[in-house]
């Protein structure tokens, strides 16, 4: 039986699972009931441990969608380690030249050639309100064992974790 984790430990686990994943899919609410997803690279995680920052153009469909409905979902996937995380949160569009400079990485120049002070840039801050993660062992032996167990017993193997995590007090 897996050892129960405290809320703090679960939040740390989520942060650890997403820190090396290069791209998340940001899902916003589009026209009507349509959901829209697009790949985004996180620029930073606030010291508060619950706010993720992304660069964006300051006047785009996604920023308009966030202004109309600030509830978003971030989806992280690392198939090589069998780790998957979905994060629910509230987003806001922020124009803050100091933060834009603080989070700037030279690789961002690909999308924003004007640099961190470009007036066409905004930041999207996503305050995490909850998350769910799936942390599965990536062992060939476990998959082989799982196949045999499923064939013989009709039951899938136990392994990995699936937890729901809250980031609100």
Protein backbone atom coordinates (compact mmCIF):
# COMPACT_ATOMS: atom_id res chain seq x y z
CA UNK A 1 0.00 0.00 0.00
CA UNK A 2 1.34 3.44 -0.94
CA UNK A 3 2.24 5.75 1.90
CA UNK A 4 -0.16 8.70 2.21
CA UNK A 5 1.41 12.02 1.28
CA UNK A 6 0.73 15.34 2.93
CA UNK A 7 -0.76 18.16 0.84
CA UNK A 8 2.66 19.84 0.80
CA UNK A 9 4.35 16.63 -0.42
CA UNK A 10 1.73 16.19 -3.16
CA UNK A 11 2.23 19.79 -4.34
CA UNK A 12 5.99 19.25 -4.39
CA UNK A 13 5.49 16.06 -6.40
CA UNK A 14 3.46 17.98 -9.01
CA UNK A 15 6.13 20.69 -9.27
CA UNK A 16 8.87 18.05 -9.56
CA UNK A 17 6.97 16.15 -12.28
CA UNK A 18 6.50 19.23 -14.49
CA UNK A 19 9.82 21.03 -13.98
CA UNK A 20 11.68 19.28 -16.81
CA UNK A 21 8.78 18.94 -19.24
CA UNK A 22 9.48 21.47 -21.98
CA UNK A 23 5.97 21.99 -23.31
CA UNK A 24 2.52 22.04 -21.77
CA UNK A 25 -0.79 22.30 -23.58
CA UNK A 26 -2.76 25.32 -22.36
CA UNK A 27 -6.51 24.79 -22.74
CA UNK A 28 -8.79 27.83 -22.74
CA UNK A 29 -12.50 28.38 -23.36
CA UNK A 30 -13.11 29.53 -26.93
CA UNK A 31 -16.31 30.63 -28.61
CA UNK A 32 -19.40 29.00 -27.17
CA UNK A 33 -18.56 25.71 -25.51
CA UNK A 34 -15.41 25.04 -27.55
CA UNK A 35 -12.18 24.24 -25.75
CA UNK A 36 -8.94 25.35 -27.39
CA UNK A 37 -5.51 23.94 -26.64
CA UNK A 38 -2.11 25.15 -27.74
CA UNK A 39 1.48 24.27 -26.80
CA UNK A 40 3.19 26.66 -24.41
CA UNK A 41 6.62 26.70 -22.74
CA UNK A 42 6.63 27.81 -19.11
CA UNK A 43 8.96 30.75 -18.47
CA UNK A 44 9.01 30.44 -14.68
CA UNK A 45 7.41 29.10 -11.51
CA UNK A 46 6.85 31.83 -8.92
CA UNK A 47 8.50 31.46 -5.53
CA UNK A 48 4.95 31.02 -4.17
CA UNK A 49 5.10 27.56 -5.78
CA UNK A 50 1.66 27.82 -7.32
CA UNK A 51 1.90 30.37 -10.14
CA UNK A 52 3.28 29.41 -13.55
CA UNK A 53 4.28 32.11 -16.05
CA UNK A 54 4.13 31.94 -19.85
CA UNK A 55 5.02 34.46 -22.57
CA UNK A 56 2.37 35.39 -25.11
CA UNK A 57 1.51 38.06 -27.57
CA UNK A 58 -0.54 40.65 -25.69
CA UNK A 59 -3.45 40.65 -28.12
CA UNK A 60 -4.16 37.10 -29.27
CA UNK A 61 -7.09 34.72 -29.33
CA UNK A 62 -5.79 33.02 -26.19
CA UNK A 63 -5.46 36.30 -24.26
CA UNK A 64 -8.96 37.29 -25.35
CA UNK A 65 -10.27 33.88 -24.26
CA UNK A 66 -8.58 34.23 -20.86
CA UNK A 67 -10.08 37.68 -20.39
CA UNK A 68 -13.54 36.22 -21.14
CA UNK A 69 -13.12 33.08 -18.99
CA UNK A 70 -10.03 32.78 -16.81
CA UNK A 71 -10.41 29.08 -15.97
CA UNK A 72 -7.72 27.08 -17.77
CA UNK A 73 -6.17 23.65 -17.85
CA UNK A 74 -2.50 22.83 -18.38
CA UNK A 75 -1.62 19.33 -19.55
CA UNK A 76 1.92 17.97 -19.15
CA UNK A 77 3.09 14.68 -20.64
CA UNK A 78 6.42 12.88 -20.29
CA UNK A 79 5.91 9.51 -22.00
CA UNK A 80 9.56 8.50 -21.55
CA UNK A 81 9.06 8.38 -17.77
CA UNK A 82 5.32 7.60 -17.89
CA UNK A 83 4.49 10.81 -15.98
CA UNK A 84 1.36 12.80 -16.76
CA UNK A 85 -0.03 15.88 -14.99
CA UNK A 86 -3.11 18.02 -15.54
CA UNK A 87 -3.30 21.33 -13.70
CA UNK A 88 -6.46 23.38 -13.22
CA UNK A 89 -6.02 27.05 -12.58
CA UNK A 90 -7.05 30.62 -13.08
CA UNK A 91 -5.18 32.69 -15.62
CA UNK A 92 -4.61 36.37 -16.05
CA UNK A 93 -2.86 38.41 -18.72
CA UNK A 94 -0.13 40.60 -17.23
CA UNK A 95 1.80 43.47 -18.79
CA UNK A 96 4.79 43.96 -16.48
CA UNK A 97 8.10 45.00 -18.08
CA UNK A 98 10.11 44.09 -14.95
CA UNK A 99 8.68 40.55 -14.84
CA UNK A 100 9.14 40.18 -18.62
CA UNK A 101 12.83 41.01 -18.16
CA UNK A 102 13.13 38.79 -15.08
CA UNK A 103 11.79 35.71 -16.88
CA UNK A 104 13.41 36.42 -20.26
CA UNK A 105 15.46 33.68 -21.89
CA UNK A 106 17.33 34.28 -25.12
CA UNK A 107 15.47 31.39 -26.76
CA UNK A 108 12.27 33.47 -26.47
CA UNK A 109 13.67 35.75 -29.17
CA UNK A 110 12.51 33.15 -31.70
CA UNK A 111 8.88 34.12 -31.04
CA UNK A 112 9.45 37.64 -29.71
CA UNK A 113 12.31 39.19 -31.73
CA UNK A 114 11.73 42.58 -30.10
CA UNK A 115 13.05 41.27 -26.77
CA UNK A 116 11.51 41.42 -23.30
CA UNK A 117 10.52 45.08 -23.57
CA UNK A 118 8.55 44.60 -26.79
CA UNK A 119 5.10 46.21 -26.30
CA UNK A 120 3.57 43.29 -28.21
CA UNK A 121 4.50 40.87 -25.37
CA UNK A 122 2.42 39.93 -22.35
CA UNK A 123 2.76 37.29 -19.70
CA UNK A 124 0.09 34.79 -18.78
CA UNK A 125 0.10 33.93 -15.09
CA UNK A 126 -1.65 30.67 -14.21
CA UNK A 127 -2.38 30.24 -10.53
CA UNK A 128 -2.72 26.54 -9.90
CA UNK A 129 -5.89 25.62 -8.01
CA UNK A 130 -5.67 21.85 -8.39
CA UNK A 131 -3.86 19.07 -10.17
CA UNK A 132 -4.06 15.40 -10.92
CA UNK A 133 -1.06 13.26 -11.71
CA UNK A 134 -0.32 9.81 -12.97
CA UNK A 135 3.14 8.50 -12.11
CA UNK A 136 3.63 5.05 -13.60
CA UNK A 137 6.71 2.88 -13.43
CA UNK A 138 8.50 2.74 -16.77
CA UNK A 139 10.04 -0.64 -16.29
CA UNK A 140 10.05 -3.20 -19.07
CA UNK A 141 9.93 -5.87 -16.35
CA UNK A 142 6.80 -4.32 -14.81
CA UNK A 143 5.08 -4.19 -18.22
CA UNK A 144 6.03 -7.83 -18.87
CA UNK A 145 4.79 -8.80 -15.40
CA UNK A 146 1.61 -6.76 -15.99
CA UNK A 147 0.93 -8.56 -19.25
CA UNK A 148 1.34 -11.97 -17.62
CA UNK A 149 -0.78 -10.99 -14.60
CA UNK A 150 -3.54 -9.58 -16.81
CA UNK A 151 -3.52 -12.70 -18.98
CA UNK A 152 -3.63 -15.12 -16.03
CA UNK A 153 -5.92 -13.24 -13.63
CA UNK A 154 -7.80 -10.75 -15.79
CA UNK A 155 -6.56 -8.00 -13.42
CA UNK A 156 -4.18 -5.19 -14.38
CA UNK A 157 -1.01 -4.80 -12.30
CA UNK A 158 -0.89 -2.31 -9.47
CA UNK A 159 1.80 0.24 -9.92
CA UNK A 160 2.38 3.92 -10.00
CA UNK A 161 0.35 6.63 -8.41
CA UNK A 162 -2.73 8.63 -9.33
CA UNK A 163 -3.47 11.50 -6.98
CA UNK A 164 -5.61 14.63 -6.92
CA UNK A 165 -3.89 17.62 -5.39
CA UNK A 166 -5.28 20.95 -4.21
CA UNK A 167 -3.26 24.16 -4.34
CA UNK A 168 -5.86 26.20 -2.46
CA UNK A 169 -5.98 26.46 1.29
